[in-house]
Amino acid sequence: MAWLRRALRVPAHESSVGLVLVCCVVTMCFMSVALIWQAQIIANQREAIQWLEQLKFGG
């Protein structure tokens, strides 16, 4: 734990901060695309489940 405190006390260079921010933005973009993709899959599954319920229960 002491090494973590020492590492966090070192001031970050502006280039390092910029690089980390760029990595965060790119990661967030990929996560957004993955979230939209998963939402489409869930919507398709919902349609399939409703179709199967209508087939099974005749409703």
Protein backbone atom coordinates (compact mmCIF):
# COMPACT_ATOMS: atom_id res chain seq x y z
CA MET A 1 0.00 0.00 0.00
CA ALA A 2 2.90 2.32 0.67
CA TRP A 3 4.20 1.96 -2.90
CA LEU A 4 0.77 3.00 -4.17
CA ARG A 5 0.84 6.18 -2.08
CA ARG A 6 4.35 6.96 -3.36
CA ALA A 7 3.30 6.33 -6.96
CA LEU A 8 0.25 8.55 -6.68
CA ARG A 9 2.25 11.44 -5.19
CA VAL A 10 4.37 11.75 -8.33
CA PRO A 11 2.91 14.51 -10.49
CA ALA A 12 1.60 13.33 -13.84
CA HIS A 13 3.04 14.86 -16.97
CA GLU A 14 0.59 16.52 -19.35
CA SER A 15 1.42 14.04 -22.11
CA SER A 16 0.59 11.13 -19.79
CA VAL A 17 -2.72 12.70 -18.80
CA GLY A 18 -3.61 13.27 -22.45
CA LEU A 19 -2.74 9.68 -23.34
CA VAL A 20 -4.87 8.32 -20.51
CA LEU A 21 -7.79 10.53 -21.51
CA VAL A 22 -7.56 9.35 -25.12
CA CYS A 23 -7.51 5.73 -23.96
CA CYS A 24 -10.56 6.37 -21.78
CA VAL A 25 -12.47 8.00 -24.63
CA VAL A 26 -11.68 5.13 -27.01
CA THR A 27 -12.68 2.57 -24.39
CA MET A 28 -15.96 4.39 -23.73
CA CYS A 29 -16.69 4.44 -27.47
CA PHE A 30 -16.18 0.68 -27.70
CA MET A 31 -18.36 0.16 -24.63
CA SER A 32 -21.13 2.30 -26.15
CA VAL A 33 -21.08 0.29 -29.36
CA ALA A 34 -21.16 -2.96 -27.38
CA LEU A 35 -24.12 -1.70 -25.33
CA ILE A 36 -26.11 -0.83 -28.46
CA TRP A 37 -25.24 -4.21 -29.99
CA GLN A 38 -26.42 -6.02 -26.85
CA ALA A 39 -29.65 -4.00 -26.80
CA GLN A 40 -30.42 -5.15 -30.33
CA ILE A 41 -29.79 -8.78 -29.37
CA ILE A 42 -32.07 -8.46 -26.32
CA ALA A 43 -34.81 -6.90 -28.46
CA ASN A 44 -34.59 -9.80 -30.93
CA GLN A 45 -34.77 -12.31 -28.09
CA ARG A 46 -37.85 -10.56 -26.69
CA GLU A 47 -39.60 -10.93 -30.05
CA ALA A 48 -38.69 -14.62 -30.19
CA ILE A 49 -39.94 -15.21 -26.64
CA GLN A 50 -43.24 -13.48 -27.36
CA TRP A 51 -43.67 -15.58 -30.51
CA LEU A 52 -42.99 -18.79 -28.55
CA GLU A 53 -45.47 -17.78 -25.82
CA GLN A 54 -48.16 -17.14 -28.43
CA LEU A 55 -47.40 -20.51 -30.04
CA LYS A 56 -47.49 -22.37 -26.71
CA PHE A 57 -50.50 -20.70 -25.14
CA GLY A 58 -52.41 -19.97 -28.32
CA GLY A 59 -52.77 -16.33 -27.44
